[in-house]
Amino acid sequence: MGKATGGHAAAGAAHYLTRWEHMTDGFDLPLICIKADCLAEGWERAVIACWEQGASIETQYDREGDPPSRDVSLALAVRNPFNEPRIHRALPGGIHDLEVYRQEVVDGIHDHWIAPDEGKWQYTYHERLEAYSLPDGRVINQLDYVVDALAAAPHTRRAQAVVWKCWEDAGIHDPACLQRMWFRVFDDRLVMACHMRSNDAFKASYMNMYAFTELQRAIAERLGERLGREIRVGQYNHVVDSYHIYGSYFEEMAKFLATVEARSFEERTWTMEQMQPLIEEARERVAASLERERERLKEGG
């Protein structure tokens, strides 16, 4: 068979892309592919697609009487995660919770809470990325490696950081959902892909995306300093094996869908400029809380 050329090839590619983006019926676990221009749009579309097309399946967290969850595999690409509007008003918690989580992921403000032997946290993403400990006692800062690898060859396909520890995570109560982060530079824009084994679509994924893209920006800034030129934030890919909505959330989902139907996109989102006063207030509260905690630790010896 001869190779398709020119317009026929382009038309064929478009035909198969359209089929693939809608190929969910009859599959055990639908694969949802979404492209969006900003984070708020991408998250909203992903949640609605999960609701509308998700497979029905029980989970290990269901309570008696809960309906089965809705579940898909997700491939979400956000053209620029810092395009506005960046914040969705339906985020779980509020701006303070969002800022706390951002600082946990980017700055490691709660790494000292890791103490599994005391029944406390078993890990944080920040600790796994910047202080990945091996059974032989070595500790690896994987983000330093990522910056080094990209500084040496921005086009490398090897700049990644992993989170899973098979010798620790298999069988624990709360194993890490994030599995790895992958980075590459295209035309002085840092692309990042985050791969998750599991992601609570409605109550967690927006906060994950927000914090992960803040880390993407931090790596872009570090790399730009190393290279002596601006490296901008580029495309963000959020890839999830199990992107799910728990049955216990279905009543809240109905309210969310009613809001989407009744309000414009601008009324469902905020820009960073609109939220900056609340973000600054949240940062002050977080700093004060951390200082109080440090004082308590000093008093305790």
Foldseek 3Di string as FASTA:
>chain_A
DDDDDDPVVVVVVVVVVVCLQPPQPPDQAAEHEEEEAELQVQLVVVVVCQVVRFDFAADPPDDPPFGGKGKHWYKYKHFFHQPPPNFFQLAADDLLVLLVLLCCQQVVLPQVQCDVVVVTDPGGNNCQQQFNADPVGHTHNLLVVLLVVCLVPLADFPRKGARDDPVPQVPDPDHFQWGMKTWHADPLAIEIETEGAEDASRHGPSSVVVSVVVNQQVSQVVNCVSNVHHRHHGMYIYTYNIHIHTSVCVVVVVVVVVCPVPDDSPVRTDHCVVCVVVNVVSVVVVVVVSVVVVVVVVVVD
